[in-house]
Amino acid sequence: MPFWRCESLSKSLDAVKNDHVFRLGPDLFWGNDPISLKLQIKELAKMITELAKK
């Protein structure tokens, strides 16, 4: 079970209960330089778009 589901606070959140949580990979979301941020924005836009299609 992912760590965010084990936390008592997160368990009470509707987003967690309904599996509407974005799982961000540390390899992509660790950096904060301009190139990393551009890639992160593209990935987040893709995740949001896919969620909206459901």
PDB file of N, CA and C in Angstrom:
ATOM      1  N   MET A   1       0.854  -1.176   0.000  1.00  0.00           N
ATOM      2  CA  MET A   1       0.000   0.000   0.000  1.00  0.00           C
ATOM      3  C   MET A   1       0.902   1.242   0.000  1.00  0.00           C
ATOM      4  N   PRO A   2       0.617   2.212  -0.887  1.00  0.00           N
ATOM      5  CA  PRO A   2       1.434   3.430  -0.933  1.00  0.00           C
ATOM      6  C   PRO A   2       1.378   4.180   0.401  1.00  0.00           C
ATOM      7  N   PHE A   3       2.481   4.852   0.714  1.00  0.00           N
ATOM      8  CA  PHE A   3       2.572   5.535   2.011  1.00  0.00           C
ATOM      9  C   PHE A   3       1.481   6.579   2.210  1.00  0.00           C
ATOM     10  N   TRP A   4       1.030   7.250   1.128  1.00  0.00           N
ATOM     11  CA  TRP A   4       0.036   8.314   1.288  1.00  0.00           C
ATOM     12  C   TRP A   4      -1.326   7.765   1.672  1.00  0.00           C
ATOM     13  N   ARG A   5      -1.572   6.488   1.467  1.00  0.00           N
ATOM     14  CA  ARG A   5      -2.841   5.906   1.899  1.00  0.00           C
ATOM     15  C   ARG A   5      -2.778   5.502   3.374  1.00  0.00           C
ATOM     16  N   CYS A   6      -1.599   5.403   3.936  1.00  0.00           N
ATOM     17  CA  CYS A   6      -1.449   4.976   5.324  1.00  0.00           C
ATOM     18  C   CYS A   6      -1.588   6.130   6.310  1.00  0.00           C
ATOM     19  N   GLU A   7      -1.384   7.309   5.867  1.00  0.00           N
ATOM     20  CA  GLU A   7      -1.465   8.461   6.749  1.00  0.00           C
ATOM     21  C   GLU A   7      -2.910   8.724   7.143  1.00  0.00           C
ATOM     22  N   SER A   8      -3.152   8.971   8.420  1.00  0.00           N
ATOM     23  CA  SER A   8      -4.525   9.159   8.887  1.00  0.00           C
ATOM     24  C   SER A   8      -5.206  10.363   8.235  1.00  0.00           C
ATOM     25  N   LEU A   9      -4.480  11.442   8.031  1.00  0.00           N
ATOM     26  CA  LEU A   9      -5.085  12.619   7.395  1.00  0.00           C
ATOM     27  C   LEU A   9      -5.433  12.330   5.945  1.00  0.00           C
ATOM     28  N   SER A  10      -4.505  11.752   5.234  1.00  0.00           N
ATOM     29  CA  SER A  10      -4.763  11.522   3.810  1.00  0.00           C
ATOM     30  C   SER A  10      -5.895  10.526   3.592  1.00  0.00           C
ATOM     31  N   LYS A  11      -6.066   9.575   4.496  1.00  0.00           N
ATOM     32  CA  LYS A  11      -7.158   8.610   4.356  1.00  0.00           C
ATOM     33  C   LYS A  11      -8.531   9.281   4.377  1.00  0.00           C
ATOM     34  N   SER A  12      -8.624  10.415   5.030  1.00  0.00           N
ATOM     35  CA  SER A  12      -9.918  11.087   5.141  1.00  0.00           C
ATOM     36  C   SER A  12     -10.219  11.999   3.948  1.00  0.00           C
ATOM     37  N   LEU A  13      -9.271  12.207   3.077  1.00  0.00           N
ATOM     38  CA  LEU A  13      -9.467  13.084   1.919  1.00  0.00           C
ATOM     39  C   LEU A  13     -10.260  12.381   0.822  1.00  0.00           C
ATOM     40  N   ASP A  14     -11.230  13.082   0.267  1.00  0.00           N
ATOM     41  CA  ASP A  14     -12.049  12.515  -0.803  1.00  0.00           C
ATOM     42  C   ASP A  14     -11.197  12.108  -2.007  1.00  0.00           C
ATOM     43  N   ALA A  15     -10.195  12.889  -2.322  1.00  0.00           N
ATOM     44  CA  ALA A  15      -9.342  12.577  -3.469  1.00  0.00           C
ATOM     45  C   ALA A  15      -8.659  11.219  -3.286  1.00  0.00           C
ATOM     46  N   VAL A  16      -8.197  10.941  -2.091  1.00  0.00           N
ATOM     47  CA  VAL A  16      -7.547   9.656  -1.824  1.00  0.00           C
ATOM     48  C   VAL A  16      -8.579   8.536  -1.855  1.00  0.00           C
ATOM     49  N   LYS A  17      -9.717   8.766  -1.235  1.00  0.00           N
ATOM     50  CA  LYS A  17     -10.777   7.752  -1.213  1.00  0.00           C
ATOM     51  C   LYS A  17     -11.219   7.379  -2.626  1.00  0.00           C
ATOM     52  N   ASN A  18     -11.251   8.345  -3.527  1.00  0.00           N
ATOM     53  CA  ASN A  18     -11.716   8.121  -4.897  1.00  0.00           C
ATOM     54  C   ASN A  18     -10.582   7.879  -5.890  1.00  0.00           C
ATOM     55  N   ASP A  19      -9.377   7.686  -5.374  1.00  0.00           N
ATOM     56  CA  ASP A  19      -8.179   7.435  -6.192  1.00  0.00           C
ATOM     57  C   ASP A  19      -7.956   8.535  -7.229  1.00  0.00           C
ATOM     58  N   HIS A  20      -8.129   9.792  -6.802  1.00  0.00           N
ATOM     59  CA  HIS A  20      -7.861  10.951  -7.650  1.00  0.00           C
ATOM     60  C   HIS A  20      -6.601  11.651  -7.173  1.00  0.00           C
ATOM     61  N   VAL A  21      -5.557  10.883  -6.998  1.00  0.00           N
ATOM     62  CA  VAL A  21      -4.279  11.403  -6.513  1.00  0.00           C
ATOM     63  C   VAL A  21      -3.254  11.199  -7.614  1.00  0.00           C
ATOM     64  N   PHE A  22      -2.509  12.211  -7.912  1.00  0.00           N
ATOM     65  CA  PHE A  22      -1.457  12.101  -8.913  1.00  0.00           C
ATOM     66  C   PHE A  22      -0.199  11.550  -8.255  1.00  0.00           C
ATOM     67  N   ARG A  23       0.330  10.507  -8.828  1.00  0.00           N
ATOM     68  CA  ARG A  23       1.569   9.905  -8.329  1.00  0.00           C
ATOM     69  C   ARG A  23       2.723  10.480  -9.141  1.00  0.00           C
ATOM     70  N   LEU A  24       3.567  11.249  -8.499  1.00  0.00           N
ATOM     71  CA  LEU A  24       4.646  11.950  -9.179  1.00  0.00           C
ATOM     72  C   LEU A  24       5.954  11.208  -8.974  1.00  0.00           C
ATOM     73  N   GLY A  25       6.562  10.827 -10.069  1.00  0.00           N
ATOM     74  CA  GLY A  25       7.836  10.112 -10.004  1.00  0.00           C
ATOM     75  C   GLY A  25       8.963  11.037  -9.590  1.00  0.00           C
ATOM     76  N   PRO A  26       9.778  10.596  -8.657  1.00  0.00           N
ATOM     77  CA  PRO A  26      10.860  11.456  -8.174  1.00  0.00           C
ATOM     78  C   PRO A  26      11.899  11.796  -9.241  1.00  0.00           C
ATOM     79  N   ASP A  27      12.072  10.918 -10.220  1.00  0.00           N
ATOM     80  CA  ASP A  27      13.064  11.208 -11.265  1.00  0.00           C
ATOM     81  C   ASP A  27      12.707  12.453 -12.059  1.00  0.00           C
ATOM     82  N   LEU A  28      11.425  12.641 -12.334  1.00  0.00           N
ATOM     83  CA  LEU A  28      10.993  13.816 -13.115  1.00  0.00           C
ATOM     84  C   LEU A  28      10.726  15.027 -12.233  1.00  0.00           C
ATOM     85  N   PHE A  29      10.186  14.810 -11.049  1.00  0.00           N
ATOM     86  CA  PHE A  29       9.723  15.928 -10.232  1.00  0.00           C
ATOM     87  C   PHE A  29      10.711  16.355  -9.148  1.00  0.00           C
ATOM     88  N   TRP A  30      11.942  15.890  -9.208  1.00  0.00           N
ATOM     89  CA  TRP A  30      12.946  16.289  -8.218  1.00  0.00           C
ATOM     90  C   TRP A  30      13.546  17.651  -8.553  1.00  0.00           C
ATOM     91  N   GLY A  31      13.823  17.875  -9.808  1.00  0.00           N
ATOM     92  CA  GLY A  31      14.507  19.105 -10.217  1.00  0.00           C
ATOM     93  C   GLY A  31      13.601  20.324 -10.222  1.00  0.00           C
ATOM     94  N   ASN A  32      14.227  21.497 -10.146  1.00  0.00           N
ATOM     95  CA  ASN A  32      13.451  22.740 -10.200  1.00  0.00           C
ATOM     96  C   ASN A  32      14.111  23.767 -11.121  1.00  0.00           C
ATOM     97  N   ASP A  33      14.877  23.275 -12.078  1.00  0.00           N
ATOM     98  CA  ASP A  33      15.483  24.155 -13.071  1.00  0.00           C
ATOM     99  C   ASP A  33      14.478  24.357 -14.213  1.00  0.00           C
ATOM    100  N   PRO A  34      14.709  25.325 -15.073  1.00  0.00           N
ATOM    101  CA  PRO A  34      13.732  25.635 -16.126  1.00  0.00           C
ATOM    102  C   PRO A  34      13.384  24.448 -17.031  1.00  0.00           C
ATOM    103  N   ILE A  35      14.342  23.634 -17.379  1.00  0.00           N
ATOM    104  CA  ILE A  35      14.063  22.491 -18.251  1.00  0.00           C
ATOM    105  C   ILE A  35      13.199  21.466 -17.521  1.00  0.00           C
ATOM    106  N   SER A  36      13.555  21.174 -16.275  1.00  0.00           N
ATOM    107  CA  SER A  36      12.765  20.224 -15.478  1.00  0.00           C
ATOM    108  C   SER A  36      11.346  20.732 -15.284  1.00  0.00           C
ATOM    109  N   LEU A  37      11.202  22.019 -14.985  1.00  0.00           N
ATOM    110  CA  LEU A  37       9.869  22.585 -14.764  1.00  0.00           C
ATOM    111  C   LEU A  37       9.004  22.488 -16.015  1.00  0.00           C
ATOM    112  N   LYS A  38       9.598  22.713 -17.180  1.00  0.00           N
ATOM    113  CA  LYS A  38       8.848  22.603 -18.427  1.00  0.00           C
ATOM    114  C   LYS A  38       8.355  21.169 -18.636  1.00  0.00           C
ATOM    115  N   LEU A  39       9.218  20.192 -18.380  1.00  0.00           N
ATOM    116  CA  LEU A  39       8.826  18.789 -18.506  1.00  0.00           C
ATOM    117  C   LEU A  39       7.771  18.414 -17.472  1.00  0.00           C
ATOM    118  N   GLN A  40       7.889  18.953 -16.265  1.00  0.00           N
ATOM    119  CA  GLN A  40       6.920  18.678 -15.204  1.00  0.00           C
ATOM    120  C   GLN A  40       5.546  19.227 -15.570  1.00  0.00           C
ATOM    121  N   ILE A  41       5.516  20.420 -16.127  1.00  0.00           N
ATOM    122  CA  ILE A  41       4.244  21.030 -16.538  1.00  0.00           C
ATOM    123  C   ILE A  41       3.586  20.189 -17.623  1.00  0.00           C
ATOM    124  N   LYS A  42       4.371  19.726 -18.582  1.00  0.00           N
ATOM    125  CA  LYS A  42       3.817  18.884 -19.641  1.00  0.00           C
ATOM    126  C   LYS A  42       3.244  17.593 -19.064  1.00  0.00           C
ATOM    127  N   GLU A  43       3.948  16.981 -18.130  1.00  0.00           N
ATOM    128  CA  GLU A  43       3.483  15.735 -17.523  1.00  0.00           C
ATOM    129  C   GLU A  43       2.224  15.966 -16.697  1.00  0.00           C
ATOM    130  N   LEU A  44       2.179  17.043 -15.941  1.00  0.00           N
ATOM    131  CA  LEU A  44       0.983  17.355 -15.158  1.00  0.00           C
ATOM    132  C   LEU A  44      -0.219  17.617 -16.063  1.00  0.00           C
ATOM    133  N   ALA A  45      -0.009  18.336 -17.148  1.00  0.00           N
ATOM    134  CA  ALA A  45      -1.099  18.596 -18.097  1.00  0.00           C
ATOM    135  C   ALA A  45      -1.627  17.281 -18.668  1.00  0.00           C
ATOM    136  N   LYS A  46      -0.733  16.365 -18.973  1.00  0.00           N
ATOM    137  CA  LYS A  46      -1.127  15.050 -19.483  1.00  0.00           C
ATOM    138  C   LYS A  46      -1.941  14.288 -18.432  1.00  0.00           C
ATOM    139  N   MET A  47      -1.487  14.302 -17.183  1.00  0.00           N
ATOM    140  CA  MET A  47      -2.195  13.608 -16.103  1.00  0.00           C
ATOM    141  C   MET A  47      -3.597  14.184 -15.893  1.00  0.00           C
ATOM    142  N   ILE A  48      -3.699  15.500 -15.899  1.00  0.00           N
ATOM    143  CA  ILE A  48      -4.994  16.166 -15.688  1.00  0.00           C
ATOM    144  C   ILE A  48      -5.944  15.868 -16.851  1.00  0.00           C
ATOM    145  N   THR A  49      -5.422  15.900 -18.057  1.00  0.00           N
ATOM    146  CA  THR A  49      -6.235  15.612 -19.231  1.00  0.00           C
ATOM    147  C   THR A  49      -6.760  14.188 -19.203  1.00  0.00           C
ATOM    148  N   GLU A  50      -5.909  13.238 -18.820  1.00  0.00           N
ATOM    149  CA  GLU A  50      -6.336  11.845 -18.742  1.00  0.00           C
ATOM    150  C   GLU A  50      -7.403  11.666 -17.657  1.00  0.00           C
ATOM    151  N   LEU A  51      -7.244  12.343 -16.535  1.00  0.00           N
ATOM    152  CA  LEU A  51      -8.232  12.242 -15.457  1.00  0.00           C
ATOM    153  C   LEU A  51      -9.575  12.829 -15.900  1.00  0.00           C
ATOM    154  N   ALA A  52      -9.529  13.924 -16.663  1.00  0.00           N
ATOM    155  CA  ALA A  52     -10.754  14.574 -17.117  1.00  0.00           C
ATOM    156  C   ALA A  52     -11.529  13.683 -18.099  1.00  0.00           C
ATOM    157  N   LYS A  53     -10.832  12.817 -18.809  1.00  0.00           N
ATOM    158  CA  LYS A  53     -11.487  11.927 -19.768  1.00  0.00           C
ATOM    159  C   LYS A  53     -12.261  10.806 -19.081  1.00  0.00           C
ATOM    160  N   LYS A  54     -11.947  10.529 -17.821  1.00  0.00           N
ATOM    161  CA  LYS A  54     -12.602   9.417 -17.104  1.00  0.00           C
ATOM    162  C   LYS A  54     -14.003   9.772 -16.703  1.00  0.00           C
TER     163      LYS A  54
END
